């Protein structure tokens, strides 16, 4: 069976139906904001951005989750996060301070690029042809999702994430900014 891409549907935005994807994300990305603020925040993000969320299955198992976000939805996402922070200010203030590295994600956006918010691949297959096929599917999705006014996509990853670094380098993403904790890359299509 080949890889099949699915766009997240509006009817999948329930606690029960989104739990599998949430678990896939939090089990495969260390220090994600969803790990800190939980499933409730993930659901809120899906409500405003589900049309830009995709997952790939092989043999009925999720092997990848990919999401993109434009500036408009990112602003909405930040407002939701701020409201969530103020719900229980003392508890959440501690969360923010203990996860200070999120502040290093602050950056200026490359003009006319859409952000690749998540790219999680969990495909442990020794077959190189299958991996190449999966990467080709993902690259086709990158091209397909881009609005006509965009020149390409950009992403960020932790400097300690060697797998992400190799992936972006292999797929011709160029570094446009780097700080103490994060690397920012972009690719024109």
C-alpha atoms as a PDB file:
ATOM      1  CA  UNK A   1       0.000   0.000   0.000  1.00  0.00           C
ATOM      2  CA  UNK A   2       1.253   3.507  -0.787  1.00  0.00           C
ATOM      3  CA  UNK A   3       1.253   6.681   1.266  1.00  0.00           C
ATOM      4  CA  UNK A   4      -2.070   8.485   1.378  1.00  0.00           C
ATOM      5  CA  UNK A   5      -2.475  12.147   2.344  1.00  0.00           C
ATOM      6  CA  UNK A   6      -5.564  13.262   4.255  1.00  0.00           C
ATOM      7  CA  UNK A   7      -6.645  16.822   4.954  1.00  0.00           C
ATOM      8  CA  UNK A   8      -8.014  17.241   8.467  1.00  0.00           C
ATOM      9  CA  UNK A   9     -11.781  17.652   8.247  1.00  0.00           C
ATOM     10  CA  UNK A  10     -13.930  19.896  10.383  1.00  0.00           C
ATOM     11  CA  UNK A  11     -15.804  16.898  11.808  1.00  0.00           C
ATOM     12  CA  UNK A  12     -12.485  15.536  13.172  1.00  0.00           C
ATOM     13  CA  UNK A  13     -12.134  18.489  15.530  1.00  0.00           C
ATOM     14  CA  UNK A  14     -13.472  16.786  18.628  1.00  0.00           C
ATOM     15  CA  UNK A  15     -11.559  15.655  21.698  1.00  0.00           C
ATOM     16  CA  UNK A  16     -11.970  11.991  20.808  1.00  0.00           C
ATOM     17  CA  UNK A  17     -11.221  12.218  17.077  1.00  0.00           C
ATOM     18  CA  UNK A  18      -8.210  14.553  17.398  1.00  0.00           C
ATOM     19  CA  UNK A  19      -6.596  12.619  20.282  1.00  0.00           C
ATOM     20  CA  UNK A  20      -4.743  10.220  17.964  1.00  0.00           C
ATOM     21  CA  UNK A  21      -3.127  13.104  16.051  1.00  0.00           C
ATOM     22  CA  UNK A  22      -2.406  15.009  19.283  1.00  0.00           C
ATOM     23  CA  UNK A  23      -0.684  11.936  20.735  1.00  0.00           C
ATOM     24  CA  UNK A  24       1.276  11.436  17.502  1.00  0.00           C
ATOM     25  CA  UNK A  25       2.514  15.037  17.735  1.00  0.00           C
ATOM     26  CA  UNK A  26       3.404  15.083  21.419  1.00  0.00           C
ATOM     27  CA  UNK A  27       5.048  11.650  21.289  1.00  0.00           C
ATOM     28  CA  UNK A  28       7.269  12.640  18.372  1.00  0.00           C
ATOM     29  CA  UNK A  29       8.139  16.299  19.042  1.00  0.00           C
ATOM     30  CA  UNK A  30       9.967  17.178  22.206  1.00  0.00           C
ATOM     31  CA  UNK A  31       9.090  20.459  23.933  1.00  0.00           C
ATOM     32  CA  UNK A  32       6.138  21.320  21.722  1.00  0.00           C
ATOM     33  CA  UNK A  33       3.771  24.023  22.912  1.00  0.00           C
ATOM     34  CA  UNK A  34       0.994  21.421  22.861  1.00  0.00           C
ATOM     35  CA  UNK A  35       2.901  19.383  25.423  1.00  0.00           C
ATOM     36  CA  UNK A  36       2.910  22.467  27.653  1.00  0.00           C
ATOM     37  CA  UNK A  37      -0.669  23.724  27.130  1.00  0.00           C
ATOM     38  CA  UNK A  38      -2.308  20.422  26.314  1.00  0.00           C
ATOM     39  CA  UNK A  39      -5.024  19.043  24.121  1.00  0.00           C
ATOM     40  CA  UNK A  40      -7.380  21.982  24.742  1.00  0.00           C
ATOM     41  CA  UNK A  41      -4.977  24.410  23.028  1.00  0.00           C
ATOM     42  CA  UNK A  42      -4.414  21.942  20.180  1.00  0.00           C
ATOM     43  CA  UNK A  43      -8.186  21.758  19.597  1.00  0.00           C
ATOM     44  CA  UNK A  44      -8.446  25.555  19.525  1.00  0.00           C
ATOM     45  CA  UNK A  45      -5.680  25.714  16.918  1.00  0.00           C
ATOM     46  CA  UNK A  46      -7.432  23.070  14.802  1.00  0.00           C
ATOM     47  CA  UNK A  47     -10.680  25.063  14.901  1.00  0.00           C
ATOM     48  CA  UNK A  48      -9.021  28.018  13.161  1.00  0.00           C
ATOM     49  CA  UNK A  49      -6.459  26.172  11.046  1.00  0.00           C
ATOM     50  CA  UNK A  50      -7.805  22.673  10.214  1.00  0.00           C
ATOM     51  CA  UNK A  51      -7.856  23.399   6.477  1.00  0.00           C
ATOM     52  CA  UNK A  52      -4.039  23.666   6.601  1.00  0.00           C
ATOM     53  CA  UNK A  53      -3.481  20.417   8.550  1.00  0.00           C
ATOM     54  CA  UNK A  54      -2.654  17.114   6.878  1.00  0.00           C
ATOM     55  CA  UNK A  55      -1.631  13.657   7.931  1.00  0.00           C
ATOM     56  CA  UNK A  56      -0.162  10.818   5.918  1.00  0.00           C
ATOM     57  CA  UNK A  57      -1.012   7.188   6.482  1.00  0.00           C
ATOM     58  CA  UNK A  58       0.610   3.996   5.315  1.00  0.00           C
ATOM     59  CA  UNK A  59      -1.029   0.661   6.117  1.00  0.00           C
ATOM     60  CA  UNK A  60      -3.695   2.530   8.108  1.00  0.00           C
ATOM     61  CA  UNK A  61      -1.071   4.007  10.454  1.00  0.00           C
ATOM     62  CA  UNK A  62      -0.180   7.706  10.737  1.00  0.00           C
ATOM     63  CA  UNK A  63       3.412   8.199   9.590  1.00  0.00           C
ATOM     64  CA  UNK A  64       3.437  11.985   9.214  1.00  0.00           C
ATOM     65  CA  UNK A  65       1.633  15.129  10.354  1.00  0.00           C
ATOM     66  CA  UNK A  66       2.090  18.367   8.429  1.00  0.00           C
ATOM     67  CA  UNK A  67       0.531  21.729   9.132  1.00  0.00           C
ATOM     68  CA  UNK A  68       0.974  25.195   7.709  1.00  0.00           C
ATOM     69  CA  UNK A  69      -0.147  28.513   9.117  1.00  0.00           C
ATOM     70  CA  UNK A  70      -0.528  31.937   7.543  1.00  0.00           C
ATOM     71  CA  UNK A  71      -0.019  35.239   9.370  1.00  0.00           C
ATOM     72  CA  UNK A  72      -3.749  35.801   9.916  1.00  0.00           C
ATOM     73  CA  UNK A  73      -4.251  32.439  11.645  1.00  0.00           C
ATOM     74  CA  UNK A  74      -1.010  32.806  13.590  1.00  0.00           C
ATOM     75  CA  UNK A  75      -2.307  36.062  15.078  1.00  0.00           C
ATOM     76  CA  UNK A  76      -5.530  34.254  16.064  1.00  0.00           C
ATOM     77  CA  UNK A  77      -3.463  31.421  17.560  1.00  0.00           C
ATOM     78  CA  UNK A  78      -1.431  33.885  19.660  1.00  0.00           C
ATOM     79  CA  UNK A  79      -4.633  35.522  20.958  1.00  0.00           C
ATOM     80  CA  UNK A  80      -5.967  32.122  22.012  1.00  0.00           C
ATOM     81  CA  UNK A  81      -2.667  31.399  23.756  1.00  0.00           C
ATOM     82  CA  UNK A  82      -2.753  34.738  25.612  1.00  0.00           C
ATOM     83  CA  UNK A  83      -6.357  34.078  26.729  1.00  0.00           C
ATOM     84  CA  UNK A  84      -5.323  30.613  27.895  1.00  0.00           C
ATOM     85  CA  UNK A  85      -2.418  32.102  29.847  1.00  0.00           C
ATOM     86  CA  UNK A  86      -4.702  34.520  31.666  1.00  0.00           C
ATOM     87  CA  UNK A  87      -7.198  31.779  32.618  1.00  0.00           C
ATOM     88  CA  UNK A  88      -4.894  30.600  35.401  1.00  0.00           C
ATOM     89  CA  UNK A  89      -2.207  33.275  35.466  1.00  0.00           C
ATOM     90  CA  UNK A  90      -0.059  31.984  38.336  1.00  0.00           C
ATOM     91  CA  UNK A  91       0.106  28.384  37.078  1.00  0.00           C
ATOM     92  CA  UNK A  92       0.616  29.426  33.464  1.00  0.00           C
ATOM     93  CA  UNK A  93       3.205  32.062  34.321  1.00  0.00           C
ATOM     94  CA  UNK A  94       5.280  29.284  35.843  1.00  0.00           C
ATOM     95  CA  UNK A  95       4.817  27.255  32.618  1.00  0.00           C
ATOM     96  CA  UNK A  96       6.005  30.175  30.499  1.00  0.00           C
ATOM     97  CA  UNK A  97       9.049  30.850  32.685  1.00  0.00           C
ATOM     98  CA  UNK A  98      10.008  27.171  32.841  1.00  0.00           C
ATOM     99  CA  UNK A  99       9.681  26.945  29.037  1.00  0.00           C
ATOM    100  CA  UNK A 100      11.514  30.188  28.317  1.00  0.00           C
ATOM    101  CA  UNK A 101      13.034  28.832  25.129  1.00  0.00           C
ATOM    102  CA  UNK A 102       9.756  29.469  23.277  1.00  0.00           C
ATOM    103  CA  UNK A 103      10.746  33.150  23.356  1.00  0.00           C
ATOM    104  CA  UNK A 104      13.666  32.317  21.073  1.00  0.00           C
ATOM    105  CA  UNK A 105      11.129  31.389  18.365  1.00  0.00           C
ATOM    106  CA  UNK A 106      10.273  35.070  17.937  1.00  0.00           C
ATOM    107  CA  UNK A 107      11.415  36.103  14.474  1.00  0.00           C
ATOM    108  CA  UNK A 108      10.645  38.300  11.509  1.00  0.00           C
ATOM    109  CA  UNK A 109       8.744  36.552   8.760  1.00  0.00           C
ATOM    110  CA  UNK A 110      10.163  36.223   5.266  1.00  0.00           C
ATOM    111  CA  UNK A 111       7.907  38.193   2.932  1.00  0.00           C
ATOM    112  CA  UNK A 112       5.409  36.157   0.899  1.00  0.00           C
ATOM    113  CA  UNK A 113       6.175  32.817   2.589  1.00  0.00           C
ATOM    114  CA  UNK A 114       3.783  30.535   4.460  1.00  0.00           C
ATOM    115  CA  UNK A 115       5.005  28.907   7.656  1.00  0.00           C
ATOM    116  CA  UNK A 116       5.422  25.154   7.894  1.00  0.00           C
ATOM    117  CA  UNK A 117       4.224  24.841  11.482  1.00  0.00           C
ATOM    118  CA  UNK A 118       4.616  21.078  11.898  1.00  0.00           C
ATOM    119  CA  UNK A 119       6.468  18.469   9.935  1.00  0.00           C
ATOM    120  CA  UNK A 120       6.565  15.246  11.882  1.00  0.00           C
ATOM    121  CA  UNK A 121       7.690  12.073  10.193  1.00  0.00           C
ATOM    122  CA  UNK A 122       7.688   8.788  12.094  1.00  0.00           C
ATOM    123  CA  UNK A 123       8.429   6.159   9.511  1.00  0.00           C
ATOM    124  CA  UNK A 124      10.883   3.523  10.677  1.00  0.00           C
ATOM    125  CA  UNK A 125      11.407   1.622   7.478  1.00  0.00           C
ATOM    126  CA  UNK A 126      14.830   0.555   6.281  1.00  0.00           C
ATOM    127  CA  UNK A 127      13.632   0.780   2.670  1.00  0.00           C
ATOM    128  CA  UNK A 128      15.204   3.939   1.205  1.00  0.00           C
ATOM    129  CA  UNK A 129      12.794   3.930  -1.747  1.00  0.00           C
ATOM    130  CA  UNK A 130       9.835   4.174   0.644  1.00  0.00           C
ATOM    131  CA  UNK A 131      11.456   7.118   2.459  1.00  0.00           C
ATOM    132  CA  UNK A 132      12.144   8.861  -0.861  1.00  0.00           C
ATOM    133  CA  UNK A 133       8.520   8.258  -1.904  1.00  0.00           C
ATOM    134  CA  UNK A 134       7.296   9.790   1.382  1.00  0.00           C
ATOM    135  CA  UNK A 135       9.553  12.848   0.992  1.00  0.00           C
ATOM    136  CA  UNK A 136       8.296  13.343  -2.579  1.00  0.00           C
ATOM    137  CA  UNK A 137       4.692  13.243  -1.332  1.00  0.00           C
ATOM    138  CA  UNK A 138       5.524  15.866   1.287  1.00  0.00           C
ATOM    139  CA  UNK A 139       7.244  18.133  -1.267  1.00  0.00           C
ATOM    140  CA  UNK A 140       4.223  17.876  -3.588  1.00  0.00           C
ATOM    141  CA  UNK A 141       2.020  18.870  -0.667  1.00  0.00           C
ATOM    142  CA  UNK A 142       4.277  21.880   0.037  1.00  0.00           C
ATOM    143  CA  UNK A 143       3.775  23.090  -3.538  1.00  0.00           C
ATOM    144  CA  UNK A 144       0.041  22.378  -3.514  1.00  0.00           C
ATOM    145  CA  UNK A 145      -0.727  24.175  -0.230  1.00  0.00           C
ATOM    146  CA  UNK A 146       1.043  27.425  -1.073  1.00  0.00           C
ATOM    147  CA  UNK A 147      -1.299  30.304  -1.788  1.00  0.00           C
ATOM    148  CA  UNK A 148      -0.712  31.879  -5.202  1.00  0.00           C
ATOM    149  CA  UNK A 149       0.744  35.029  -3.611  1.00  0.00           C
ATOM    150  CA  UNK A 150       3.449  33.050  -1.771  1.00  0.00           C
ATOM    151  CA  UNK A 151       6.977  32.418  -2.999  1.00  0.00           C
ATOM    152  CA  UNK A 152       7.592  29.410  -0.764  1.00  0.00           C
ATOM    153  CA  UNK A 153       7.480  28.019   2.737  1.00  0.00           C
ATOM    154  CA  UNK A 154       9.593  28.550   5.828  1.00  0.00           C
ATOM    155  CA  UNK A 155      10.105  26.570   9.010  1.00  0.00           C
ATOM    156  CA  UNK A 156      12.014  26.553  12.264  1.00  0.00           C
ATOM    157  CA  UNK A 157      13.604  23.809  14.313  1.00  0.00           C
ATOM    158  CA  UNK A 158      15.703  23.455  17.444  1.00  0.00           C
ATOM    159  CA  UNK A 159      19.429  23.536  16.791  1.00  0.00           C
ATOM    160  CA  UNK A 160      19.758  20.226  18.644  1.00  0.00           C
ATOM    161  CA  UNK A 161      17.313  18.517  16.239  1.00  0.00           C
ATOM    162  CA  UNK A 162      19.801  16.817  13.927  1.00  0.00           C
ATOM    163  CA  UNK A 163      17.092  14.886  12.066  1.00  0.00           C
ATOM    164  CA  UNK A 164      15.267  18.110  11.123  1.00  0.00           C
ATOM    165  CA  UNK A 165      18.540  19.740  10.123  1.00  0.00           C
ATOM    166  CA  UNK A 166      19.362  16.836   7.786  1.00  0.00           C
ATOM    167  CA  UNK A 167      15.830  16.802   6.337  1.00  0.00           C
ATOM    168  CA  UNK A 168      15.805  20.514   5.501  1.00  0.00           C
ATOM    169  CA  UNK A 169      19.332  20.434   4.087  1.00  0.00           C
ATOM    170  CA  UNK A 170      18.548  17.387   1.938  1.00  0.00           C
ATOM    171  CA  UNK A 171      15.393  19.097   0.649  1.00  0.00           C
ATOM    172  CA  UNK A 172      17.198  22.339  -0.300  1.00  0.00           C
ATOM    173  CA  UNK A 173      15.896  24.661   2.421  1.00  0.00           C
ATOM    174  CA  UNK A 174      18.205  27.626   3.061  1.00  0.00           C
ATOM    175  CA  UNK A 175      18.958  29.083   6.490  1.00  0.00           C
ATOM    176  CA  UNK A 176      17.793  32.694   6.757  1.00  0.00           C
ATOM    177  CA  UNK A 177      18.203  33.199  10.510  1.00  0.00           C
ATOM    178  CA  UNK A 178      19.716  31.411  13.466  1.00  0.00           C
ATOM    179  CA  UNK A 179      19.814  32.153  17.167  1.00  0.00           C
ATOM    180  CA  UNK A 180      21.070  30.402  20.281  1.00  0.00           C
ATOM    181  CA  UNK A 181      18.289  27.760  20.227  1.00  0.00           C
ATOM    182  CA  UNK A 182      16.558  27.775  16.825  1.00  0.00           C
ATOM    183  CA  UNK A 183      17.341  27.694  13.115  1.00  0.00           C
ATOM    184  CA  UNK A 184      14.951  29.302  10.602  1.00  0.00           C
ATOM    185  CA  UNK A 185      14.901  27.934   7.044  1.00  0.00           C
ATOM    186  CA  UNK A 186      12.996  28.702   3.854  1.00  0.00           C
ATOM    187  CA  UNK A 187      12.540  27.288   0.386  1.00  0.00           C
ATOM    188  CA  UNK A 188      11.201  28.898  -2.752  1.00  0.00           C
ATOM    189  CA  UNK A 189       8.935  26.893  -5.051  1.00  0.00           C
END
